[in-house]
């Protein structure tokens, strides 16, 4: 299987959560998965992560390349049909940077319409609710802890809360790892 990993920049406050991305890569590598990180080539406001104040504009693709492991691609250059699943690490940038993006909408809609698996973590679920509706996995998430994941069979969506439920990287790794393992077996 080939996996598309959607990045929204680099940094929790204005991009993808770096730790969640790295832990996702670790799980994908552990299970021998072929994956491609992607981001949109567009400039947006960035956040100074020290002061949490709005800073200069930065390019999402260039920022995502910092954690793209030399594999990063412009999402406009990717044929979604070549990929079997979409993985969405969290980060506030996901919600802000891709709010009005047509290419991101086209990407997510492709995976939904083709009934391909979509896996998300942390703020990724809030992003997906724009496409699936506000009740996506709501009940299953109530008691979910960071080292676990849940699955919506009807929508073919996987989710782990990651850093939404803990500050512990190892606990987050357990949730991401188990979700990626289940995704690979799907």
N, C-alpha and C. Protein backbone atom coordinates (compact mmCIF):
# COMPACT_ATOMS: atom_id res chain seq x y z
N UNK A 1 0.83 -1.19 0.00
CA UNK A 1 0.00 0.00 0.00
C UNK A 1 0.88 1.25 0.00
N UNK A 2 0.35 2.29 -0.62
CA UNK A 2 1.04 3.59 -0.64
C UNK A 2 0.20 4.58 0.15
N UNK A 3 0.88 5.35 0.98
CA UNK A 3 0.20 6.29 1.86
C UNK A 3 0.60 7.72 1.52
N UNK A 4 -0.38 8.60 1.55
CA UNK A 4 -0.16 10.03 1.37
C UNK A 4 -0.24 10.66 2.76
N UNK A 5 0.78 11.42 3.16
CA UNK A 5 0.80 12.07 4.48
C UNK A 5 0.64 13.57 4.24
N UNK A 6 -0.48 14.12 4.67
CA UNK A 6 -0.79 15.53 4.45
C UNK A 6 -0.16 16.40 5.53
N UNK A 7 0.74 17.29 5.13
CA UNK A 7 1.38 18.23 6.04
C UNK A 7 0.86 19.64 5.77
N UNK A 8 0.88 20.47 6.82
CA UNK A 8 0.35 21.83 6.71
C UNK A 8 1.39 22.86 7.10
N UNK A 9 2.66 22.52 6.97
CA UNK A 9 3.74 23.40 7.40
C UNK A 9 4.55 22.68 8.46
N UNK A 10 5.22 23.45 9.31
CA UNK A 10 6.10 22.86 10.32
C UNK A 10 5.95 23.61 11.63
N UNK A 11 5.24 23.03 12.58
CA UNK A 11 5.06 23.65 13.88
C UNK A 11 3.61 23.62 14.30
N UNK A 12 3.37 23.24 15.53
CA UNK A 12 2.02 23.05 16.04
C UNK A 12 1.12 24.26 15.83
N UNK A 13 1.63 25.47 16.09
CA UNK A 13 0.80 26.67 16.05
C UNK A 13 0.41 27.15 14.67
N UNK A 14 1.20 26.80 13.66
CA UNK A 14 0.89 27.30 12.31
C UNK A 14 1.16 26.28 11.22
N UNK A 15 1.33 25.04 11.60
CA UNK A 15 1.61 23.99 10.62
C UNK A 15 1.20 22.65 11.17
N UNK A 16 1.93 21.61 10.81
CA UNK A 16 1.70 20.27 11.34
C UNK A 16 2.51 20.09 12.62
N UNK A 17 1.97 19.32 13.55
CA UNK A 17 2.67 19.02 14.79
C UNK A 17 3.89 18.16 14.47
N UNK A 18 5.06 18.69 14.71
CA UNK A 18 6.30 18.02 14.34
C UNK A 18 6.40 16.64 14.97
N UNK A 19 6.11 16.54 16.25
CA UNK A 19 6.22 15.26 16.94
C UNK A 19 5.28 14.22 16.33
N UNK A 20 4.06 14.61 16.03
CA UNK A 20 3.10 13.67 15.44
C UNK A 20 3.56 13.21 14.06
N UNK A 21 4.13 14.12 13.30
CA UNK A 21 4.65 13.75 11.97
C UNK A 21 5.79 12.75 12.11
N UNK A 22 6.74 13.03 12.98
CA UNK A 22 7.90 12.15 13.15
C UNK A 22 7.47 10.78 13.69
N UNK A 23 6.54 10.76 14.64
CA UNK A 23 6.06 9.48 15.16
C UNK A 23 5.28 8.71 14.10
N UNK A 24 4.60 9.42 13.22
CA UNK A 24 3.91 8.76 12.10
C UNK A 24 4.92 8.13 11.16
N UNK A 25 5.97 8.88 10.82
CA UNK A 25 7.02 8.32 9.97
C UNK A 25 7.64 7.07 10.62
N UNK A 26 7.88 7.13 11.93
CA UNK A 26 8.48 5.99 12.63
C UNK A 26 7.59 4.75 12.50
N UNK A 27 6.28 4.94 12.69
CA UNK A 27 5.36 3.80 12.57
C UNK A 27 5.29 3.30 11.13
N UNK A 28 5.23 4.20 10.18
CA UNK A 28 5.20 3.79 8.77
C UNK A 28 6.47 3.02 8.40
N UNK A 29 7.61 3.51 8.86
CA UNK A 29 8.88 2.82 8.60
C UNK A 29 8.91 1.45 9.29
N UNK A 30 8.41 1.38 10.51
CA UNK A 30 8.38 0.13 11.26
C UNK A 30 7.64 -0.96 10.48
N UNK A 31 6.54 -0.58 9.85
CA UNK A 31 5.71 -1.55 9.13
C UNK A 31 6.04 -1.64 7.65
N UNK A 32 7.14 -1.02 7.23
CA UNK A 32 7.59 -1.12 5.85
C UNK A 32 6.65 -0.48 4.85
N UNK A 33 6.01 0.60 5.25
CA UNK A 33 5.03 1.28 4.39
C UNK A 33 5.70 2.28 3.46
N UNK A 34 5.20 2.37 2.26
CA UNK A 34 5.65 3.35 1.27
C UNK A 34 4.79 4.60 1.46
N UNK A 35 5.41 5.74 1.69
CA UNK A 35 4.62 6.95 1.93
C UNK A 35 5.27 8.17 1.29
N UNK A 36 4.42 9.15 1.02
CA UNK A 36 4.85 10.41 0.44
C UNK A 36 4.23 11.56 1.23
N UNK A 37 5.05 12.41 1.87
CA UNK A 37 4.51 13.60 2.50
C UNK A 37 4.20 14.65 1.43
N UNK A 38 3.09 15.35 1.60
CA UNK A 38 2.70 16.40 0.65
C UNK A 38 2.23 17.64 1.41
N UNK A 39 2.32 18.77 0.74
CA UNK A 39 1.82 20.03 1.28
C UNK A 39 1.51 20.94 0.09
N UNK A 40 0.72 21.96 0.36
CA UNK A 40 0.38 22.91 -0.70
C UNK A 40 1.46 23.99 -0.79
N UNK A 41 1.77 24.39 -2.00
CA UNK A 41 2.75 25.44 -2.27
C UNK A 41 2.04 26.79 -2.25
N UNK A 42 1.88 27.34 -1.05
CA UNK A 42 1.19 28.61 -0.87
C UNK A 42 1.73 29.27 0.41
N UNK A 43 1.76 30.60 0.43
CA UNK A 43 2.25 31.32 1.60
C UNK A 43 1.10 31.74 2.50
N UNK A 44 1.32 31.62 3.82
CA UNK A 44 0.32 31.98 4.82
C UNK A 44 1.02 32.65 6.00
N UNK A 45 0.24 33.27 6.88
CA UNK A 45 0.79 33.86 8.11
C UNK A 45 1.38 32.77 8.97
N UNK A 46 2.50 33.06 9.59
CA UNK A 46 3.10 32.11 10.51
C UNK A 46 2.98 32.64 11.94
N UNK A 47 3.33 31.78 12.88
CA UNK A 47 3.27 32.12 14.29
C UNK A 47 4.67 32.00 14.88
N UNK A 48 5.05 32.99 15.69
CA UNK A 48 6.29 32.89 16.45
C UNK A 48 5.99 31.92 17.60
N UNK A 49 6.60 30.75 17.58
CA UNK A 49 6.26 29.73 18.56
C UNK A 49 6.78 30.04 19.97
N UNK A 50 7.65 31.02 20.10
CA UNK A 50 8.13 31.42 21.41
C UNK A 50 7.14 32.38 22.07
N UNK A 51 6.66 33.36 21.29
CA UNK A 51 5.75 34.37 21.84
C UNK A 51 4.29 34.10 21.53
N UNK A 52 4.03 33.19 20.60
CA UNK A 52 2.69 32.86 20.11
C UNK A 52 2.02 34.04 19.41
N UNK A 53 2.82 34.97 18.92
CA UNK A 53 2.32 36.11 18.18
C UNK A 53 2.41 35.84 16.68
N UNK A 54 1.53 36.50 15.92
CA UNK A 54 1.55 36.39 14.47
C UNK A 54 2.88 36.94 13.96
N UNK A 55 3.48 36.22 13.04
CA UNK A 55 4.77 36.63 12.48
C UNK A 55 4.63 36.82 10.97
N UNK A 56 5.74 36.76 10.28
CA UNK A 56 5.76 36.97 8.83
C UNK A 56 5.04 35.83 8.10
N UNK A 57 4.85 36.03 6.80
CA UNK A 57 4.27 34.96 5.98
C UNK A 57 5.37 33.95 5.64
N UNK A 58 4.96 32.69 5.58
CA UNK A 58 5.88 31.62 5.17
C UNK A 58 5.15 30.68 4.23
N UNK A 59 5.93 29.98 3.41
CA UNK A 59 5.37 29.05 2.44
C UNK A 59 5.15 27.69 3.10
N UNK A 60 3.94 27.15 2.99
CA UNK A 60 3.59 25.88 3.63
C UNK A 60 4.48 24.75 3.14
N UNK A 61 4.68 24.65 1.83
CA UNK A 61 5.49 23.57 1.27
C UNK A 61 6.94 23.66 1.74
N UNK A 62 7.50 24.85 1.74
CA UNK A 62 8.88 25.03 2.18
C UNK A 62 9.01 24.69 3.67
N UNK A 63 8.05 25.13 4.47
CA UNK A 63 8.07 24.81 5.90
C UNK A 63 7.92 23.30 6.12
N UNK A 64 7.01 22.68 5.39
CA UNK A 64 6.79 21.23 5.53
C UNK A 64 8.01 20.44 5.10
N UNK A 65 8.79 21.00 4.18
CA UNK A 65 10.00 20.31 3.72
C UNK A 65 10.99 20.10 4.87
N UNK A 66 10.89 20.92 5.92
CA UNK A 66 11.76 20.75 7.09
C UNK A 66 11.56 19.38 7.72
N UNK A 67 10.34 18.85 7.63
CA UNK A 67 10.03 17.55 8.21
C UNK A 67 9.56 16.56 7.14
N UNK A 68 9.89 16.85 5.90
CA UNK A 68 9.47 16.01 4.78
C UNK A 68 10.41 14.89 4.43
N UNK A 69 11.51 14.77 5.14
CA UNK A 69 12.49 13.70 4.96
C UNK A 69 13.00 13.56 3.53
N UNK A 70 13.06 14.67 2.82
CA UNK A 70 13.56 14.64 1.45
C UNK A 70 12.58 14.06 0.45
N UNK A 71 11.39 13.74 0.92
CA UNK A 71 10.36 13.13 0.07
C UNK A 71 9.21 14.07 -0.25
N UNK A 72 9.21 15.25 0.33
CA UNK A 72 8.06 16.15 0.22
C UNK A 72 7.74 16.47 -1.23
N UNK A 73 6.44 16.53 -1.52
CA UNK A 73 5.99 16.89 -2.86
C UNK A 73 4.89 17.94 -2.74
N UNK A 74 4.81 18.76 -3.77
CA UNK A 74 3.70 19.70 -3.90
C UNK A 74 2.46 18.86 -4.18
N UNK A 75 1.43 19.06 -3.40
CA UNK A 75 0.22 18.24 -3.54
C UNK A 75 -0.40 18.35 -4.93
N UNK A 76 -0.15 19.45 -5.62
CA UNK A 76 -0.69 19.60 -6.98
C UNK A 76 -0.01 18.66 -7.98
N UNK A 77 1.14 18.12 -7.62
CA UNK A 77 1.89 17.24 -8.51
C UNK A 77 1.64 15.76 -8.23
N UNK A 78 0.69 15.47 -7.36
CA UNK A 78 0.43 14.10 -6.94
C UNK A 78 -0.87 13.59 -7.56
N UNK A 79 -0.84 12.36 -8.05
CA UNK A 79 -2.04 11.69 -8.54
C UNK A 79 -2.63 10.90 -7.38
N UNK A 80 -3.73 11.39 -6.82
CA UNK A 80 -4.33 10.77 -5.63
C UNK A 80 -4.71 9.31 -5.88
N UNK A 81 -5.03 8.98 -7.11
CA UNK A 81 -5.43 7.61 -7.45
C UNK A 81 -4.30 6.61 -7.21
N UNK A 82 -3.07 7.07 -7.15
CA UNK A 82 -1.92 6.18 -6.92
C UNK A 82 -1.75 5.80 -5.45
N UNK A 83 -2.54 6.40 -4.57
CA UNK A 83 -2.39 6.18 -3.14
C UNK A 83 -3.59 5.44 -2.57
N UNK A 84 -3.30 4.59 -1.58
CA UNK A 84 -4.33 3.73 -1.00
C UNK A 84 -4.96 4.30 0.26
N UNK A 85 -4.29 5.23 0.92
CA UNK A 85 -4.81 5.81 2.15
C UNK A 85 -4.20 7.19 2.37
N UNK A 86 -4.92 7.99 3.15
CA UNK A 86 -4.49 9.35 3.51
C UNK A 86 -4.27 9.40 5.01
N UNK A 87 -3.14 9.96 5.43
CA UNK A 87 -2.83 10.12 6.85
C UNK A 87 -2.67 11.61 7.14
N UNK A 88 -3.33 12.07 8.21
CA UNK A 88 -3.34 13.49 8.53
C UNK A 88 -2.88 13.72 9.96
N UNK A 89 -1.60 14.05 10.17
CA UNK A 89 -1.15 14.45 11.51
C UNK A 89 -1.83 15.76 11.91
N UNK A 90 -1.89 16.00 13.22
CA UNK A 90 -2.53 17.21 13.71
C UNK A 90 -1.66 18.45 13.60
N UNK A 91 -2.18 19.52 14.16
CA UNK A 91 -1.52 20.82 14.13
C UNK A 91 -2.54 21.88 13.75
N UNK A 92 -2.47 23.03 14.38
CA UNK A 92 -3.42 24.10 14.13
C UNK A 92 -3.33 24.60 12.69
N UNK A 93 -2.16 24.52 12.09
CA UNK A 93 -2.01 24.94 10.71
C UNK A 93 -2.92 24.20 9.76
N UNK A 94 -3.21 22.97 10.09
CA UNK A 94 -4.12 22.16 9.28
C UNK A 94 -5.48 22.85 9.18
N UNK A 95 -5.96 23.35 10.30
CA UNK A 95 -7.27 24.01 10.33
C UNK A 95 -7.24 25.39 9.69
N UNK A 96 -6.17 26.13 9.93
CA UNK A 96 -6.09 27.50 9.42
C UNK A 96 -5.60 27.58 7.98
N UNK A 97 -4.53 26.87 7.68
CA UNK A 97 -3.90 27.00 6.36
C UNK A 97 -4.72 26.41 5.23
N UNK A 98 -5.50 25.40 5.54
CA UNK A 98 -6.23 24.70 4.48
C UNK A 98 -7.73 24.95 4.51
N UNK A 99 -8.14 25.98 5.21
CA UNK A 99 -9.56 26.30 5.34
C UNK A 99 -10.24 26.50 3.98
N UNK A 100 -9.59 27.19 3.07
CA UNK A 100 -10.21 27.52 1.78
C UNK A 100 -9.47 26.92 0.59
N UNK A 101 -8.66 25.91 0.83
CA UNK A 101 -7.84 25.34 -0.24
C UNK A 101 -8.63 24.36 -1.11
N UNK A 102 -8.72 24.67 -2.38
CA UNK A 102 -9.43 23.78 -3.30
C UNK A 102 -8.68 22.48 -3.54
N UNK A 103 -7.35 22.53 -3.64
CA UNK A 103 -6.59 21.31 -3.91
C UNK A 103 -6.65 20.36 -2.71
N UNK A 104 -6.64 20.89 -1.52
CA UNK A 104 -6.76 20.05 -0.32
C UNK A 104 -8.16 19.45 -0.27
N UNK A 105 -9.15 20.24 -0.58
CA UNK A 105 -10.53 19.74 -0.62
C UNK A 105 -10.65 18.61 -1.65
N UNK A 106 -10.05 18.80 -2.81
CA UNK A 106 -10.07 17.77 -3.86
C UNK A 106 -9.39 16.49 -3.37
N UNK A 107 -8.28 16.64 -2.68
CA UNK A 107 -7.55 15.48 -2.15
C UNK A 107 -8.41 14.69 -1.18
N UNK A 108 -8.92 15.35 -0.16
CA UNK A 108 -9.71 14.66 0.85
C UNK A 108 -10.97 14.06 0.24
N UNK A 109 -11.62 14.81 -0.62
CA UNK A 109 -12.83 14.32 -1.28
C UNK A 109 -12.55 13.08 -2.12
N UNK A 110 -11.38 13.02 -2.75
CA UNK A 110 -11.01 11.82 -3.51
C UNK A 110 -11.00 10.58 -2.61
N UNK A 111 -10.33 10.68 -1.48
CA UNK A 111 -10.24 9.52 -0.59
C UNK A 111 -11.61 9.14 -0.03
N UNK A 112 -12.44 10.13 0.26
CA UNK A 112 -13.79 9.84 0.75
C UNK A 112 -14.62 9.15 -0.33
N UNK A 113 -14.65 9.72 -1.52
CA UNK A 113 -15.50 9.19 -2.59
C UNK A 113 -15.05 7.80 -3.05
N UNK A 114 -13.76 7.52 -2.94
CA UNK A 114 -13.23 6.21 -3.34
C UNK A 114 -13.28 5.21 -2.18
N UNK A 115 -13.81 5.64 -1.04
CA UNK A 115 -13.91 4.79 0.16
C UNK A 115 -12.54 4.27 0.62
N UNK A 116 -11.52 5.08 0.39
CA UNK A 116 -10.17 4.73 0.83
C UNK A 116 -10.02 5.14 2.30
N UNK A 117 -9.20 4.43 3.05
CA UNK A 117 -9.02 4.78 4.46
C UNK A 117 -8.39 6.16 4.64
N UNK A 118 -8.87 6.84 5.68
CA UNK A 118 -8.31 8.12 6.09
C UNK A 118 -7.98 7.99 7.58
N UNK A 119 -6.75 8.30 7.95
CA UNK A 119 -6.32 8.22 9.34
C UNK A 119 -5.91 9.61 9.80
N UNK A 120 -6.36 9.99 10.99
CA UNK A 120 -6.07 11.32 11.51
C UNK A 120 -5.66 11.24 12.97
N UNK A 121 -5.00 12.28 13.42
CA UNK A 121 -4.65 12.38 14.82
C UNK A 121 -4.85 13.81 15.30
N UNK A 122 -5.09 13.95 16.58
CA UNK A 122 -5.23 15.25 17.23
C UNK A 122 -6.19 16.16 16.47
N UNK A 123 -5.74 17.32 16.03
CA UNK A 123 -6.61 18.28 15.32
C UNK A 123 -7.04 17.79 13.95
N UNK A 124 -6.46 16.70 13.48
CA UNK A 124 -6.86 16.13 12.20
C UNK A 124 -8.33 15.77 12.16
N UNK A 125 -8.89 15.38 13.33
CA UNK A 125 -10.31 15.03 13.36
C UNK A 125 -11.18 16.26 13.14
N UNK A 126 -10.77 17.40 13.68
CA UNK A 126 -11.52 18.64 13.48
C UNK A 126 -11.50 19.03 12.01
N UNK A 127 -10.36 18.84 11.38
CA UNK A 127 -10.24 19.09 9.95
C UNK A 127 -11.17 18.17 9.16
N UNK A 128 -11.19 16.88 9.49
CA UNK A 128 -12.03 15.93 8.77
C UNK A 128 -13.52 16.17 8.97
N UNK A 129 -13.89 16.72 10.10
CA UNK A 129 -15.31 16.99 10.35
C UNK A 129 -15.88 18.01 9.38
N UNK A 130 -15.04 18.79 8.74
CA UNK A 130 -15.51 19.70 7.69
C UNK A 130 -16.05 18.92 6.50
N UNK A 131 -15.59 17.70 6.34
CA UNK A 131 -15.99 16.87 5.20
C UNK A 131 -17.05 15.83 5.59
N UNK A 132 -16.94 15.29 6.79
CA UNK A 132 -17.81 14.19 7.21
C UNK A 132 -18.97 14.64 8.10
N UNK A 133 -18.87 15.81 8.69
CA UNK A 133 -19.89 16.27 9.63
C UNK A 133 -19.35 16.30 11.05
N UNK A 134 -19.97 17.10 11.88
CA UNK A 134 -19.45 17.37 13.23
C UNK A 134 -19.54 16.19 14.19
N UNK A 135 -20.31 15.18 13.86
CA UNK A 135 -20.43 14.05 14.79
C UNK A 135 -19.47 12.90 14.48
N UNK A 136 -18.58 13.07 13.52
CA UNK A 136 -17.63 12.02 13.16
C UNK A 136 -16.86 11.53 14.38
N UNK A 137 -17.02 10.28 14.73
CA UNK A 137 -16.33 9.60 15.83
C UNK A 137 -16.58 10.24 17.20
N UNK A 138 -17.55 11.11 17.33
CA UNK A 138 -17.77 11.85 18.58
C UNK A 138 -17.94 10.92 19.77
N UNK A 139 -18.78 9.92 19.66
CA UNK A 139 -19.01 9.01 20.80
C UNK A 139 -17.79 8.15 21.09
N UNK A 140 -17.13 7.68 20.06
CA UNK A 140 -15.98 6.81 20.26
C UNK A 140 -14.81 7.56 20.89
N UNK A 141 -14.76 8.86 20.70
CA UNK A 141 -13.64 9.67 21.20
C UNK A 141 -13.75 10.00 22.68
N UNK A 142 -14.95 9.93 23.24
CA UNK A 142 -15.17 10.38 24.61
C UNK A 142 -14.22 9.71 25.61
N UNK A 143 -14.09 8.41 25.55
CA UNK A 143 -13.27 7.67 26.50
C UNK A 143 -11.90 7.28 25.93
N UNK A 144 -11.60 7.73 24.73
CA UNK A 144 -10.37 7.33 24.05
C UNK A 144 -9.14 7.96 24.71
N UNK A 145 -8.14 7.15 24.98
CA UNK A 145 -6.89 7.65 25.54
C UNK A 145 -5.83 7.71 24.45
N UNK A 146 -4.76 8.41 24.71
CA UNK A 146 -3.75 8.70 23.69
C UNK A 146 -3.06 7.46 23.13
N UNK A 147 -2.98 6.38 23.90
CA UNK A 147 -2.30 5.18 23.40
C UNK A 147 -3.22 4.27 22.59
N UNK A 148 -4.45 4.69 22.39
CA UNK A 148 -5.45 3.90 21.65
C UNK A 148 -5.85 4.63 20.37
N UNK A 149 -6.62 3.92 19.55
CA UNK A 149 -7.22 4.54 18.37
C UNK A 149 -8.63 4.01 18.24
N UNK A 150 -9.43 4.67 17.45
CA UNK A 150 -10.78 4.18 17.16
C UNK A 150 -10.98 4.16 15.65
N UNK A 151 -12.04 3.49 15.23
CA UNK A 151 -12.29 3.29 13.81
C UNK A 151 -13.78 3.45 13.53
N UNK A 152 -14.09 4.21 12.50
CA UNK A 152 -15.46 4.37 12.02
C UNK A 152 -15.57 3.56 10.73
N UNK A 153 -16.18 2.38 10.82
CA UNK A 153 -16.26 1.47 9.67
C UNK A 153 -17.09 2.05 8.53
N UNK A 154 -18.13 2.78 8.87
CA UNK A 154 -19.00 3.35 7.83
C UNK A 154 -18.24 4.34 6.94
N UNK A 155 -17.40 5.15 7.55
CA UNK A 155 -16.66 6.17 6.80
C UNK A 155 -15.22 5.77 6.50
N UNK A 156 -14.77 4.64 7.05
CA UNK A 156 -13.41 4.16 6.86
C UNK A 156 -12.38 5.17 7.39
N UNK A 157 -12.67 5.70 8.59
CA UNK A 157 -11.82 6.71 9.23
C UNK A 157 -11.22 6.14 10.52
N UNK A 158 -9.91 6.32 10.66
CA UNK A 158 -9.18 5.92 11.86
C UNK A 158 -8.78 7.20 12.60
N UNK A 159 -8.72 7.11 13.94
CA UNK A 159 -8.34 8.31 14.71
C UNK A 159 -7.65 7.91 16.01
N UNK A 160 -6.59 8.65 16.34
CA UNK A 160 -5.97 8.57 17.65
C UNK A 160 -5.81 10.01 18.16
N UNK A 161 -6.08 10.25 19.45
CA UNK A 161 -6.03 11.63 19.95
C UNK A 161 -4.63 12.22 20.06
N UNK A 162 -3.60 11.38 20.12
CA UNK A 162 -2.22 11.86 20.18
C UNK A 162 -2.05 12.88 21.29
N UNK A 163 -1.47 14.02 20.98
CA UNK A 163 -1.16 15.01 22.02
C UNK A 163 -2.39 15.76 22.53
N UNK A 164 -3.54 15.48 21.99
CA UNK A 164 -4.78 16.07 22.51
C UNK A 164 -5.09 15.51 23.90
N UNK A 165 -4.59 14.30 24.16
CA UNK A 165 -4.91 13.64 25.43
C UNK A 165 -3.70 13.40 26.33
N UNK A 166 -2.51 13.78 25.90
CA UNK A 166 -1.31 13.58 26.71
C UNK A 166 -0.20 14.51 26.25
N UNK A 167 0.77 14.72 27.10
CA UNK A 167 1.99 15.43 26.71
C UNK A 167 3.16 14.47 26.56
N UNK A 168 2.88 13.17 26.70
CA UNK A 168 3.91 12.15 26.69
C UNK A 168 4.11 11.61 25.28
N UNK A 169 5.31 11.76 24.75
CA UNK A 169 5.61 11.31 23.38
C UNK A 169 5.48 9.81 23.21
N UNK A 170 5.92 9.05 24.21
CA UNK A 170 5.85 7.59 24.09
C UNK A 170 4.40 7.11 24.05
N UNK A 171 3.56 7.68 24.89
CA UNK A 171 2.14 7.32 24.89
C UNK A 171 1.52 7.66 23.54
N UNK A 172 1.88 8.81 23.01
CA UNK A 172 1.39 9.21 21.69
C UNK A 172 1.87 8.24 20.62
N UNK A 173 3.13 7.82 20.71
CA UNK A 173 3.67 6.84 19.76
C UNK A 173 2.85 5.56 19.77
N UNK A 174 2.46 5.09 20.95
CA UNK A 174 1.68 3.86 21.04
C UNK A 174 0.36 3.97 20.26
N UNK A 175 -0.31 5.10 20.41
CA UNK A 175 -1.57 5.31 19.68
C UNK A 175 -1.37 5.39 18.19
N UNK A 176 -0.37 6.15 17.76
CA UNK A 176 -0.10 6.29 16.33
C UNK A 176 0.34 4.95 15.75
N UNK A 177 1.21 4.25 16.45
CA UNK A 177 1.70 2.95 15.98
C UNK A 177 0.56 1.96 15.81
N UNK A 178 -0.32 1.87 16.80
CA UNK A 178 -1.42 0.90 16.70
C UNK A 178 -2.38 1.29 15.58
N UNK A 179 -2.58 2.58 15.36
CA UNK A 179 -3.45 3.03 14.27
C UNK A 179 -2.84 2.69 12.91
N UNK A 180 -1.55 2.94 12.74
CA UNK A 180 -0.87 2.64 11.48
C UNK A 180 -0.86 1.13 11.23
N UNK A 181 -0.65 0.34 12.27
CA UNK A 181 -0.67 -1.12 12.14
C UNK A 181 -2.04 -1.59 11.64
N UNK A 182 -3.10 -1.07 12.23
CA UNK A 182 -4.46 -1.43 11.80
C UNK A 182 -4.73 -0.95 10.38
N UNK A 183 -4.26 0.23 10.05
CA UNK A 183 -4.44 0.78 8.71
C UNK A 183 -3.75 -0.11 7.67
N UNK A 184 -2.57 -0.59 8.01
CA UNK A 184 -1.84 -1.46 7.07
C UNK A 184 -2.57 -2.78 6.86
N UNK A 185 -3.24 -3.27 7.88
CA UNK A 185 -3.95 -4.54 7.79
C UNK A 185 -5.31 -4.41 7.11
N UNK A 186 -5.75 -3.19 6.90
CA UNK A 186 -7.09 -2.97 6.32
C UNK A 186 -7.16 -3.44 4.88
